Each structure stands twice: as C-alpha cells, then as structure tokens.
C-alpha cells in the first residue's frame, strides 16, 4: 500500500478521496529529528509551509529509498531542497493553481485596510476612541500598483486592481512576461513610482532581505508596501525605521522570518496591517489544493 505523510495536515475531502483510491494517509507533524526517522516509512510526503524538507530529511529518506514524491500544498517550494531531492530521484512538485486567487485577495484586503485605516480604527473604537477626523484615507482608484514578481498571484491581483481603476506596473527577474500587457519596468522604477508595492517573489537563496533600507528609501512617503509572499523579504528593522520616521505611509505583512513573529516593533506599530500567514486560508483554496494533491498523487502512481 502507498503510504502518504501529510505532515502539515490535509483537507478532509482530499484524505477521503485518497483513501477511497487505496492510499494510506497519515496526518502528523514531526519535529526535524523525528521526521528524519518517520519519513523512511512513506512513499509520499505532503507539506505546507511549516515543514522544511532539507537535505538531512532527504538523506534519511534515501536510507530506505521508499520516498518518491514530495508535494508542497501551495505555490512556492522554497521550504524544500528541490534540486537535491530531484538529483536523488525524488520528484518535487506543488499546487500552483490552487491558492493564487486567495493570496491575491488577501493582498488587496491589506491594501484597503491600509488605505482606509480599517484595522487600527477597529481597535481604537473598541477602546472607546472616536477618531473620525484622524483617519482620513485614500482611494485605490487612480493609484499605481507596483508588482515585484509577475507570477500567478500577481496576475490575479493585477486583474482585481484594474477593476478598481488602478494602474499596474511590474518587474520580474525573468524580464517582460509574454502575454502580460501591464507596463514592465525595473524594480527601482516600481519602487519610485508605485503608491502600493506588493511582493510576489521567492526568498533569496542566501536568506537575506530583498527589500533593504536603500530600497525603501526609493519609495514615496505616501506609499505602502505589502508582503504576502515569503517571510524575510523585507528588512524588518528598516521597515520599522521607515514607518517611524514618516518615510513610508504604511505596510502590511502576512509572512514573517519566524512564525509566529516576536518582533515587538512590528507587532505594536499602528501603521502595520498584520495577519498570521493566512494567504491561502480560504475554504475555496483549501478544496482546490486538496483536489490538486489528489490529482498529482493519482497520476504519479497510475
């Protein structure tokens, strides 16, 4: 029997579908040392963002040679040492079609929250404050959205932004993307011109921030930056400095270098809109992720 380890859980319908097809599914999170032992007993490992499939885990799996497939339930695969796994004969894949719309909508929700003080005004009202004159916001209509990275999520966000009357510009490490009609430009130009900057890129190979203090200094003091992609893309201290010094109007984060975050400067800054890594956490996205995982596993072992 093909055994599947869903170390970060799996949508219930997907588990039922796999079991109906004769697969055995175990839903259990393991710390790295224990995972290195347990992974030897499985043919497939399905992970989200919590489990890191690094070289020691892959090497442990190779001791029995049973593990043949690793699936990341989501868009990115930077929590998996993909090249190493593939070189050892273990296929690595993800579910890129499943959560793009959900993440795009969360990025848009943060844009609204920043533009209209939705989060902080909710808090202050519950504290008995009536700050009607303090919270004068801005409209998204007529503003420029700058996208760093033009993959599936960015394209979903761009469609929604255009429907709201925003202008869209973008940059991408691959250059101008075929069939994408928005204006392509440099990252520096995106940072200088955009009223809202949204990041949709993987983490850098060395783990260092992609957006540094120098990058933030290029942005308009009336601009906002949103990160729903990967924790650590923005230098957190530089971001807090820019907000504290009036060099940036606001920022939104859904992802953090360590989760849950413990940086008090972030957690207590009223100019930050924060969510606990919920980009793909919609009922619709979870169903799509589950269905795509079932499809991948079924086709792999057909």
C-alpha atoms as a PDB file:
ATOM      1  CA  UNK A   1       0.000   0.000   0.000  1.00  0.00           C
ATOM      2  CA  UNK A   2       1.217   3.506  -0.872  1.00  0.00           C
ATOM      3  CA  UNK A   3       1.689   5.493   2.338  1.00  0.00           C
ATOM      4  CA  UNK A   4       1.311   9.289   2.420  1.00  0.00           C
ATOM      5  CA  UNK A   5       2.558  11.526   5.235  1.00  0.00           C
ATOM      6  CA  UNK A   6       0.684  14.839   5.407  1.00  0.00           C
ATOM      7  CA  UNK A   7       2.959  16.493   7.932  1.00  0.00           C
ATOM      8  CA  UNK A   8       1.100  19.812   7.957  1.00  0.00           C
ATOM      9  CA  UNK A   9      -2.387  18.349   7.603  1.00  0.00           C
ATOM     10  CA  UNK A  10      -4.615  17.876   4.573  1.00  0.00           C
ATOM     11  CA  UNK A  11      -8.116  18.882   3.553  1.00  0.00           C
ATOM     12  CA  UNK A  12     -10.632  16.275   4.736  1.00  0.00           C
ATOM     13  CA  UNK A  13     -12.170  15.672   1.306  1.00  0.00           C
ATOM     14  CA  UNK A  14      -8.707  15.021  -0.124  1.00  0.00           C
ATOM     15  CA  UNK A  15      -7.956  12.467   2.590  1.00  0.00           C
ATOM     16  CA  UNK A  16     -11.233  10.673   1.887  1.00  0.00           C
ATOM     17  CA  UNK A  17     -10.587  10.691  -1.854  1.00  0.00           C
ATOM     18  CA  UNK A  18      -7.097   9.255  -1.435  1.00  0.00           C
ATOM     19  CA  UNK A  19      -8.251   6.585   0.992  1.00  0.00           C
ATOM     20  CA  UNK A  20     -11.050   5.637  -1.406  1.00  0.00           C
ATOM     21  CA  UNK A  21      -8.370   5.060  -4.046  1.00  0.00           C
ATOM     22  CA  UNK A  22      -6.490   2.707  -1.722  1.00  0.00           C
ATOM     23  CA  UNK A  23      -3.825   5.069  -0.350  1.00  0.00           C
ATOM     24  CA  UNK A  24      -2.996   5.252   3.343  1.00  0.00           C
ATOM     25  CA  UNK A  25      -2.839   8.821   4.711  1.00  0.00           C
ATOM     26  CA  UNK A  26      -1.210   9.836   7.991  1.00  0.00           C
ATOM     27  CA  UNK A  27      -1.678  13.384   9.245  1.00  0.00           C
ATOM     28  CA  UNK A  28       1.044  14.090  11.790  1.00  0.00           C
ATOM     29  CA  UNK A  29       3.542  16.894  12.306  1.00  0.00           C
ATOM     30  CA  UNK A  30       7.032  15.857  13.394  1.00  0.00           C
ATOM     31  CA  UNK A  31       9.972  17.930  14.555  1.00  0.00           C
ATOM     32  CA  UNK A  32      13.020  17.546  12.245  1.00  0.00           C
ATOM     33  CA  UNK A  33      14.794  14.818  14.235  1.00  0.00           C
ATOM     34  CA  UNK A  34      11.701  12.644  14.448  1.00  0.00           C
ATOM     35  CA  UNK A  35      10.688  13.435  10.875  1.00  0.00           C
ATOM     36  CA  UNK A  36      14.058  12.082   9.703  1.00  0.00           C
ATOM     37  CA  UNK A  37      13.074   8.718  11.168  1.00  0.00           C
ATOM     38  CA  UNK A  38       9.424   8.696  10.154  1.00  0.00           C
ATOM     39  CA  UNK A  39       9.955   9.749   6.541  1.00  0.00           C
ATOM     40  CA  UNK A  40      11.724   6.460   5.842  1.00  0.00           C
ATOM     41  CA  UNK A  41       8.352   4.705   6.056  1.00  0.00           C
ATOM     42  CA  UNK A  42       6.451   6.740   3.472  1.00  0.00           C
ATOM     43  CA  UNK A  43       6.179   6.885  -0.300  1.00  0.00           C
ATOM     44  CA  UNK A  44       4.821  10.453  -0.438  1.00  0.00           C
ATOM     45  CA  UNK A  45       5.233  13.475   1.795  1.00  0.00           C
ATOM     46  CA  UNK A  46       2.779  16.382   1.551  1.00  0.00           C
ATOM     47  CA  UNK A  47       3.838  19.607   3.281  1.00  0.00           C
ATOM     48  CA  UNK A  48       2.650  23.182   3.596  1.00  0.00           C
ATOM     49  CA  UNK A  49       4.936  25.893   4.963  1.00  0.00           C
ATOM     50  CA  UNK A  50       5.645  24.600   8.477  1.00  0.00           C
ATOM     51  CA  UNK A  51       7.627  21.503   7.481  1.00  0.00           C
ATOM     52  CA  UNK A  52      11.075  22.062   5.981  1.00  0.00           C
ATOM     53  CA  UNK A  53      12.323  19.290   3.705  1.00  0.00           C
ATOM     54  CA  UNK A  54      16.036  19.932   3.818  1.00  0.00           C
ATOM     55  CA  UNK A  55      18.986  17.738   2.853  1.00  0.00           C
ATOM     56  CA  UNK A  56      19.149  15.789   6.165  1.00  0.00           C
ATOM     57  CA  UNK A  57      15.484  14.759   5.792  1.00  0.00           C
ATOM     58  CA  UNK A  58      16.071  13.724   2.176  1.00  0.00           C
ATOM     59  CA  UNK A  59      19.199  11.777   3.131  1.00  0.00           C
ATOM     60  CA  UNK A  60      17.233   9.947   5.829  1.00  0.00           C
ATOM     61  CA  UNK A  61      14.535   9.018   3.304  1.00  0.00           C
ATOM     62  CA  UNK A  62      17.193   7.652   0.972  1.00  0.00           C
ATOM     63  CA  UNK A  63      18.188   5.069   3.567  1.00  0.00           C
ATOM     64  CA  UNK A  64      15.127   3.020   2.635  1.00  0.00           C
ATOM     65  CA  UNK A  65      14.633   4.516  -0.836  1.00  0.00           C
ATOM     66  CA  UNK A  66      10.889   4.486  -0.310  1.00  0.00           C
ATOM     67  CA  UNK A  67      10.111   8.206  -0.666  1.00  0.00           C
ATOM     68  CA  UNK A  68       9.370   9.005  -4.307  1.00  0.00           C
ATOM     69  CA  UNK A  69       7.282  12.200  -4.220  1.00  0.00           C
ATOM     70  CA  UNK A  70       7.194  15.420  -2.179  1.00  0.00           C
ATOM     71  CA  UNK A  71       4.276  17.818  -2.703  1.00  0.00           C
ATOM     72  CA  UNK A  72       4.091  21.369  -1.403  1.00  0.00           C
ATOM     73  CA  UNK A  73       0.431  22.253  -0.921  1.00  0.00           C
ATOM     74  CA  UNK A  74       0.735  25.832  -2.123  1.00  0.00           C
ATOM     75  CA  UNK A  75       2.566  27.998  -4.614  1.00  0.00           C
ATOM     76  CA  UNK A  76       6.227  28.134  -3.548  1.00  0.00           C
ATOM     77  CA  UNK A  77       8.677  25.311  -2.874  1.00  0.00           C
ATOM     78  CA  UNK A  78      11.450  27.205  -1.110  1.00  0.00           C
ATOM     79  CA  UNK A  79      10.962  25.182   2.075  1.00  0.00           C
ATOM     80  CA  UNK A  80      12.163  22.131   0.116  1.00  0.00           C
ATOM     81  CA  UNK A  81      15.686  21.453  -1.175  1.00  0.00           C
ATOM     82  CA  UNK A  82      14.247  20.748  -4.604  1.00  0.00           C
ATOM     83  CA  UNK A  83      17.401  20.360  -6.660  1.00  0.00           C
ATOM     84  CA  UNK A  84      18.928  17.957  -4.157  1.00  0.00           C
ATOM     85  CA  UNK A  85      15.761  15.866  -3.929  1.00  0.00           C
ATOM     86  CA  UNK A  86      15.355  15.698  -7.697  1.00  0.00           C
ATOM     87  CA  UNK A  87      19.011  14.709  -8.106  1.00  0.00           C
ATOM     88  CA  UNK A  88      18.355  11.797  -5.740  1.00  0.00           C
ATOM     89  CA  UNK A  89      15.340  10.626  -7.732  1.00  0.00           C
ATOM     90  CA  UNK A  90      12.620  12.180  -5.586  1.00  0.00           C
ATOM     91  CA  UNK A  91      10.092  14.226  -7.554  1.00  0.00           C
ATOM     92  CA  UNK A  92       9.115  17.592  -6.086  1.00  0.00           C
ATOM     93  CA  UNK A  93       6.004  19.470  -7.123  1.00  0.00           C
ATOM     94  CA  UNK A  94       3.472  21.971  -5.803  1.00  0.00           C
ATOM     95  CA  UNK A  95      -0.113  23.113  -6.390  1.00  0.00           C
ATOM     96  CA  UNK A  96       0.349  26.462  -8.140  1.00  0.00           C
ATOM     97  CA  UNK A  97      -3.191  26.766  -9.471  1.00  0.00           C
ATOM     98  CA  UNK A  98      -4.916  26.411  -6.131  1.00  0.00           C
ATOM     99  CA  UNK A  99      -4.318  29.397  -3.861  1.00  0.00           C
ATOM    100  CA  UNK A 100      -3.387  32.212  -6.238  1.00  0.00           C
ATOM    101  CA  UNK A 101      -6.769  33.943  -6.081  1.00  0.00           C
ATOM    102  CA  UNK A 102      -6.929  33.686  -2.285  1.00  0.00           C
ATOM    103  CA  UNK A 103      -3.490  35.209  -1.759  1.00  0.00           C
ATOM    104  CA  UNK A 104      -4.256  37.955  -4.283  1.00  0.00           C
ATOM    105  CA  UNK A 105      -7.462  38.826  -2.473  1.00  0.00           C
ATOM    106  CA  UNK A 106      -5.652  38.990   0.879  1.00  0.00           C
ATOM    107  CA  UNK A 107      -3.086  41.381  -0.611  1.00  0.00           C
ATOM    108  CA  UNK A 108      -5.964  43.501  -1.875  1.00  0.00           C
ATOM    109  CA  UNK A 109      -7.661  43.331   1.531  1.00  0.00           C
ATOM    110  CA  UNK A 110      -4.475  44.679   3.112  1.00  0.00           C
ATOM    111  CA  UNK A 111      -4.396  47.478   0.567  1.00  0.00           C
ATOM    112  CA  UNK A 112      -7.914  48.508   1.580  1.00  0.00           C
ATOM    113  CA  UNK A 113      -7.053  48.145   5.261  1.00  0.00           C
ATOM    114  CA  UNK A 114      -4.044  50.436   4.883  1.00  0.00           C
ATOM    115  CA  UNK A 115      -5.778  52.974   2.675  1.00  0.00           C
ATOM    116  CA  UNK A 116      -8.788  53.325   4.991  1.00  0.00           C
ATOM    117  CA  UNK A 117      -7.317  52.526   8.444  1.00  0.00           C
ATOM    118  CA  UNK A 118      -9.638  49.537   8.766  1.00  0.00           C
ATOM    119  CA  UNK A 119      -7.514  47.584  11.224  1.00  0.00           C
ATOM    120  CA  UNK A 120      -6.383  50.323  13.599  1.00  0.00           C
ATOM    121  CA  UNK A 121      -9.765  52.094  13.663  1.00  0.00           C
ATOM    122  CA  UNK A 122     -11.398  48.806  14.639  1.00  0.00           C
ATOM    123  CA  UNK A 123      -9.003  48.581  17.591  1.00  0.00           C
ATOM    124  CA  UNK A 124      -9.322  52.201  18.711  1.00  0.00           C
ATOM    125  CA  UNK A 125     -13.109  52.170  18.523  1.00  0.00           C
ATOM    126  CA  UNK A 126     -13.189  49.145  20.809  1.00  0.00           C
ATOM    127  CA  UNK A 127     -11.013  51.182  23.177  1.00  0.00           C
ATOM    128  CA  UNK A 128     -13.696  53.884  23.255  1.00  0.00           C
ATOM    129  CA  UNK A 129     -11.979  56.281  20.828  1.00  0.00           C
ATOM    130  CA  UNK A 130     -13.858  58.134  18.065  1.00  0.00           C
ATOM    131  CA  UNK A 131     -11.078  59.186  15.669  1.00  0.00           C
ATOM    132  CA  UNK A 132     -13.235  60.288  12.747  1.00  0.00           C
ATOM    133  CA  UNK A 133     -11.022  63.218  11.779  1.00  0.00           C
ATOM    134  CA  UNK A 134      -7.773  61.306  12.313  1.00  0.00           C
ATOM    135  CA  UNK A 135      -8.467  58.554   9.819  1.00  0.00           C
ATOM    136  CA  UNK A 136      -8.616  60.378   6.510  1.00  0.00           C
ATOM    137  CA  UNK A 137      -7.672  57.729   3.975  1.00  0.00           C
ATOM    138  CA  UNK A 138      -7.015  57.495   0.259  1.00  0.00           C
ATOM    139  CA  UNK A 139      -8.840  55.837  -2.629  1.00  0.00           C
ATOM    140  CA  UNK A 140      -7.317  52.976  -4.605  1.00  0.00           C
ATOM    141  CA  UNK A 141      -8.884  54.342  -7.781  1.00  0.00           C
ATOM    142  CA  UNK A 142      -6.287  56.246  -9.776  1.00  0.00           C
ATOM    143  CA  UNK A 143      -3.336  54.930  -7.776  1.00  0.00           C
ATOM    144  CA  UNK A 144      -0.436  52.893  -9.167  1.00  0.00           C
ATOM    145  CA  UNK A 145       0.108  49.322  -8.043  1.00  0.00           C
ATOM    146  CA  UNK A 146       3.678  48.103  -8.439  1.00  0.00           C
ATOM    147  CA  UNK A 147       4.173  44.348  -8.522  1.00  0.00           C
ATOM    148  CA  UNK A 148       7.567  42.798  -7.824  1.00  0.00           C
ATOM    149  CA  UNK A 149       7.298  39.390  -9.455  1.00  0.00           C
ATOM    150  CA  UNK A 150       4.671  38.622 -12.084  1.00  0.00           C
ATOM    151  CA  UNK A 151       3.523  35.063 -11.448  1.00  0.00           C
ATOM    152  CA  UNK A 152       0.048  33.653 -10.998  1.00  0.00           C
ATOM    153  CA  UNK A 153      -0.705  35.569  -7.792  1.00  0.00           C
ATOM    154  CA  UNK A 154       0.461  38.890  -9.207  1.00  0.00           C
ATOM    155  CA  UNK A 155      -1.647  38.390 -12.305  1.00  0.00           C
ATOM    156  CA  UNK A 156      -4.717  37.682 -10.184  1.00  0.00           C
ATOM    157  CA  UNK A 157      -4.038  40.780  -8.073  1.00  0.00           C
ATOM    158  CA  UNK A 158      -3.453  42.913 -11.166  1.00  0.00           C
ATOM    159  CA  UNK A 159      -6.846  41.942 -12.621  1.00  0.00           C
ATOM    160  CA  UNK A 160      -8.593  42.983  -9.422  1.00  0.00           C
ATOM    161  CA  UNK A 161      -6.617  46.211  -9.157  1.00  0.00           C
ATOM    162  CA  UNK A 162      -7.500  47.187 -12.703  1.00  0.00           C
ATOM    163  CA  UNK A 163     -11.183  46.625 -11.944  1.00  0.00           C
ATOM    164  CA  UNK A 164     -10.786  49.210  -9.153  1.00  0.00           C
ATOM    165  CA  UNK A 165      -9.297  51.753 -11.521  1.00  0.00           C
ATOM    166  CA  UNK A 166      -5.654  51.288 -10.578  1.00  0.00           C
ATOM    167  CA  UNK A 167      -2.720  51.477 -12.960  1.00  0.00           C
ATOM    168  CA  UNK A 168      -0.410  48.440 -12.820  1.00  0.00           C
ATOM    169  CA  UNK A 169       3.330  48.298 -13.394  1.00  0.00           C
ATOM    170  CA  UNK A 170       5.597  45.339 -12.694  1.00  0.00           C
ATOM    171  CA  UNK A 171       9.075  43.912 -12.679  1.00  0.00           C
ATOM    172  CA  UNK A 172      10.207  40.300 -12.799  1.00  0.00           C
ATOM    173  CA  UNK A 173      13.542  38.522 -12.624  1.00  0.00           C
ATOM    174  CA  UNK A 174      12.683  36.808 -15.922  1.00  0.00           C
ATOM    175  CA  UNK A 175      12.106  40.123 -17.667  1.00  0.00           C
ATOM    176  CA  UNK A 176       8.946  41.016 -19.551  1.00  0.00           C
ATOM    177  CA  UNK A 177       6.414  38.190 -19.260  1.00  0.00           C
ATOM    178  CA  UNK A 178       4.780  37.046 -22.543  1.00  0.00           C
ATOM    179  CA  UNK A 179       1.052  37.812 -22.831  1.00  0.00           C
ATOM    180  CA  UNK A 180       1.176  40.177 -19.830  1.00  0.00           C
ATOM    181  CA  UNK A 181       0.049  43.581 -21.068  1.00  0.00           C
ATOM    182  CA  UNK A 182       0.861  45.677 -17.994  1.00  0.00           C
ATOM    183  CA  UNK A 183       3.844  48.021 -18.136  1.00  0.00           C
ATOM    184  CA  UNK A 184       7.150  46.252 -17.488  1.00  0.00           C
ATOM    185  CA  UNK A 185       9.922  48.249 -15.840  1.00  0.00           C
ATOM    186  CA  UNK A 186      12.821  47.944 -13.397  1.00  0.00           C
ATOM    187  CA  UNK A 187      12.473  47.226  -9.677  1.00  0.00           C
ATOM    188  CA  UNK A 188      13.910  50.637  -8.911  1.00  0.00           C
ATOM    189  CA  UNK A 189      11.290  52.296 -11.098  1.00  0.00           C
ATOM    190  CA  UNK A 190       8.496  50.260  -9.486  1.00  0.00           C
ATOM    191  CA  UNK A 191       9.603  51.371  -6.029  1.00  0.00           C
ATOM    192  CA  UNK A 192       9.861  55.021  -7.071  1.00  0.00           C
ATOM    193  CA  UNK A 193       6.526  55.263  -8.899  1.00  0.00           C
ATOM    194  CA  UNK A 194       4.095  52.957  -7.125  1.00  0.00           C
ATOM    195  CA  UNK A 195       1.599  54.047  -4.492  1.00  0.00           C
ATOM    196  CA  UNK A 196       1.225  50.425  -3.423  1.00  0.00           C
ATOM    197  CA  UNK A 197       4.025  47.866  -3.829  1.00  0.00           C
ATOM    198  CA  UNK A 198       3.145  44.175  -3.497  1.00  0.00           C
ATOM    199  CA  UNK A 199       5.793  41.455  -3.319  1.00  0.00           C
ATOM    200  CA  UNK A 200       5.289  38.124  -5.086  1.00  0.00           C
ATOM    201  CA  UNK A 201       8.719  36.523  -5.232  1.00  0.00           C
ATOM    202  CA  UNK A 202      10.532  33.622  -3.507  1.00  0.00           C
ATOM    203  CA  UNK A 203      13.017  34.121  -0.712  1.00  0.00           C
ATOM    204  CA  UNK A 204      16.570  34.930  -1.771  1.00  0.00           C
ATOM    205  CA  UNK A 205      18.947  31.930  -1.815  1.00  0.00           C
ATOM    206  CA  UNK A 206      21.084  33.437   0.952  1.00  0.00           C
ATOM    207  CA  UNK A 207      18.053  34.251   3.097  1.00  0.00           C
ATOM    208  CA  UNK A 208      18.827  37.965   3.134  1.00  0.00           C
ATOM    209  CA  UNK A 209      16.126  40.624   2.644  1.00  0.00           C
ATOM    210  CA  UNK A 210      15.294  41.532  -0.935  1.00  0.00           C
ATOM    211  CA  UNK A 211      13.906  44.901   0.107  1.00  0.00           C
ATOM    212  CA  UNK A 212      16.514  46.781   2.129  1.00  0.00           C
ATOM    213  CA  UNK A 213      16.650  50.216   3.729  1.00  0.00           C
ATOM    214  CA  UNK A 214      18.021  51.591   0.466  1.00  0.00           C
ATOM    215  CA  UNK A 215      15.077  50.135  -1.453  1.00  0.00           C
ATOM    216  CA  UNK A 216      12.527  51.534   0.995  1.00  0.00           C
ATOM    217  CA  UNK A 217      14.193  54.954   0.673  1.00  0.00           C
ATOM    218  CA  UNK A 218      13.277  54.952  -3.028  1.00  0.00           C
ATOM    219  CA  UNK A 219       9.563  54.820  -2.236  1.00  0.00           C
ATOM    220  CA  UNK A 220       7.298  57.831  -1.872  1.00  0.00           C
ATOM    221  CA  UNK A 221       6.500  58.795   1.736  1.00  0.00           C
ATOM    222  CA  UNK A 222       2.825  58.373   0.832  1.00  0.00           C
ATOM    223  CA  UNK A 223       3.357  54.810  -0.432  1.00  0.00           C
ATOM    224  CA  UNK A 224       2.561  51.424   1.103  1.00  0.00           C
ATOM    225  CA  UNK A 225       4.295  48.033   0.796  1.00  0.00           C
ATOM    226  CA  UNK A 226       2.615  44.630   1.151  1.00  0.00           C
ATOM    227  CA  UNK A 227       4.263  41.229   1.610  1.00  0.00           C
ATOM    228  CA  UNK A 228       2.099  38.118   1.346  1.00  0.00           C
ATOM    229  CA  UNK A 229       4.856  36.070  -0.304  1.00  0.00           C
ATOM    230  CA  UNK A 230       7.711  34.935   1.959  1.00  0.00           C
ATOM    231  CA  UNK A 231       8.875  35.989   5.383  1.00  0.00           C
ATOM    232  CA  UNK A 232      12.076  37.990   5.481  1.00  0.00           C
ATOM    233  CA  UNK A 233      11.757  39.587   2.037  1.00  0.00           C
ATOM    234  CA  UNK A 234      11.690  42.991   3.715  1.00  0.00           C
ATOM    235  CA  UNK A 235      14.298  44.088   6.255  1.00  0.00           C
ATOM    236  CA  UNK A 236      12.040  44.359   9.328  1.00  0.00           C
ATOM    237  CA  UNK A 237      14.171  46.898  11.201  1.00  0.00           C
ATOM    238  CA  UNK A 238      14.493  49.082   8.102  1.00  0.00           C
ATOM    239  CA  UNK A 239      10.733  48.856   7.583  1.00  0.00           C
ATOM    240  CA  UNK A 240      10.004  49.934  11.155  1.00  0.00           C
ATOM    241  CA  UNK A 241      12.512  52.780  10.831  1.00  0.00           C
ATOM    242  CA  UNK A 242      10.834  53.996   7.630  1.00  0.00           C
ATOM    243  CA  UNK A 243       7.397  53.907   9.264  1.00  0.00           C
ATOM    244  CA  UNK A 244       8.591  55.585  12.460  1.00  0.00           C
ATOM    245  CA  UNK A 245      10.369  58.340  10.535  1.00  0.00           C
ATOM    246  CA  UNK A 246       7.488  59.131   8.184  1.00  0.00           C
ATOM    247  CA  UNK A 247       9.350  57.817   5.145  1.00  0.00           C
ATOM    248  CA  UNK A 248       6.537  55.363   4.372  1.00  0.00           C
ATOM    249  CA  UNK A 249       2.783  55.653   4.926  1.00  0.00           C
ATOM    250  CA  UNK A 250       2.174  52.063   5.953  1.00  0.00           C
ATOM    251  CA  UNK A 251       2.891  48.393   5.342  1.00  0.00           C
ATOM    252  CA  UNK A 252       1.195  45.007   5.520  1.00  0.00           C
ATOM    253  CA  UNK A 253       2.652  41.608   6.327  1.00  0.00           C
ATOM    254  CA  UNK A 254       1.179  38.128   6.214  1.00  0.00           C
ATOM    255  CA  UNK A 255       4.512  36.278   6.420  1.00  0.00           C
ATOM    256  CA  UNK A 256       7.486  36.543   8.777  1.00  0.00           C
ATOM    257  CA  UNK A 257      11.060  35.200   9.115  1.00  0.00           C
ATOM    258  CA  UNK A 258       9.944  33.194  12.150  1.00  0.00           C
ATOM    259  CA  UNK A 259       6.323  32.356  12.839  1.00  0.00           C
ATOM    260  CA  UNK A 260       4.656  33.423  14.995  1.00  0.00           C
ATOM    261  CA  UNK A 261       6.630  36.703  14.946  1.00  0.00           C
ATOM    262  CA  UNK A 262       8.117  38.085  18.135  1.00  0.00           C
ATOM    263  CA  UNK A 263       9.394  41.428  16.872  1.00  0.00           C
ATOM    264  CA  UNK A 264       7.669  43.929  19.176  1.00  0.00           C
ATOM    265  CA  UNK A 265       8.393  46.828  16.826  1.00  0.00           C
ATOM    266  CA  UNK A 266       6.280  45.112  14.196  1.00  0.00           C
ATOM    267  CA  UNK A 267       3.524  43.921  16.473  1.00  0.00           C
ATOM    268  CA  UNK A 268       2.965  47.297  18.122  1.00  0.00           C
ATOM    269  CA  UNK A 269       3.294  49.592  15.109  1.00  0.00           C
ATOM    270  CA  UNK A 270      -0.102  51.155  14.260  1.00  0.00           C
ATOM    271  CA  UNK A 271       0.956  51.716  10.650  1.00  0.00           C
ATOM    272  CA  UNK A 272       1.268  47.986  10.027  1.00  0.00           C
ATOM    273  CA  UNK A 273      -1.587  45.724   8.927  1.00  0.00           C
ATOM    274  CA  UNK A 274      -0.741  42.203  10.129  1.00  0.00           C
ATOM    275  CA  UNK A 275      -2.252  38.779   9.505  1.00  0.00           C
ATOM    276  CA  UNK A 276      -0.997  35.335  10.657  1.00  0.00           C
ATOM    277  CA  UNK A 277       0.092  33.750   7.333  1.00  0.00           C
ATOM    278  CA  UNK A 278      -3.445  33.239   6.026  1.00  0.00           C
ATOM    279  CA  UNK A 279      -2.870  33.947   2.326  1.00  0.00           C
ATOM    280  CA  UNK A 280      -4.139  30.550   1.215  1.00  0.00           C
ATOM    281  CA  UNK A 281      -6.530  30.072   4.113  1.00  0.00           C
ATOM    282  CA  UNK A 282      -9.880  30.164   2.365  1.00  0.00           C
ATOM    283  CA  UNK A 283     -12.342  27.311   2.093  1.00  0.00           C
ATOM    284  CA  UNK A 284     -12.159  27.527  -1.686  1.00  0.00           C
ATOM    285  CA  UNK A 285      -8.354  27.439  -1.829  1.00  0.00           C
ATOM    286  CA  UNK A 286      -8.126  24.524   0.585  1.00  0.00           C
ATOM    287  CA  UNK A 287     -10.544  22.494  -1.543  1.00  0.00           C
ATOM    288  CA  UNK A 288      -8.578  23.292  -4.681  1.00  0.00           C
ATOM    289  CA  UNK A 289      -5.275  22.420  -3.002  1.00  0.00           C
ATOM    290  CA  UNK A 290      -6.700  19.118  -1.774  1.00  0.00           C
ATOM    291  CA  UNK A 291      -8.118  18.258  -5.185  1.00  0.00           C
ATOM    292  CA  UNK A 292      -4.825  19.070  -6.908  1.00  0.00           C
ATOM    293  CA  UNK A 293      -2.871  16.937  -4.423  1.00  0.00           C
ATOM    294  CA  UNK A 294      -5.198  14.002  -5.125  1.00  0.00           C
ATOM    295  CA  UNK A 295      -4.717  14.513  -8.857  1.00  0.00           C
ATOM    296  CA  UNK A 296      -0.916  14.656  -8.573  1.00  0.00           C
ATOM    297  CA  UNK A 297      -0.641  11.537  -6.418  1.00  0.00           C
ATOM    298  CA  UNK A 298      -3.126   9.542  -8.506  1.00  0.00           C
ATOM    299  CA  UNK A 299      -1.345  10.351 -11.756  1.00  0.00           C
ATOM    300  CA  UNK A 300       2.097   9.699 -10.269  1.00  0.00           C
ATOM    301  CA  UNK A 301       1.231   6.179  -9.154  1.00  0.00           C
ATOM    302  CA  UNK A 302      -1.021   5.323 -12.108  1.00  0.00           C
END
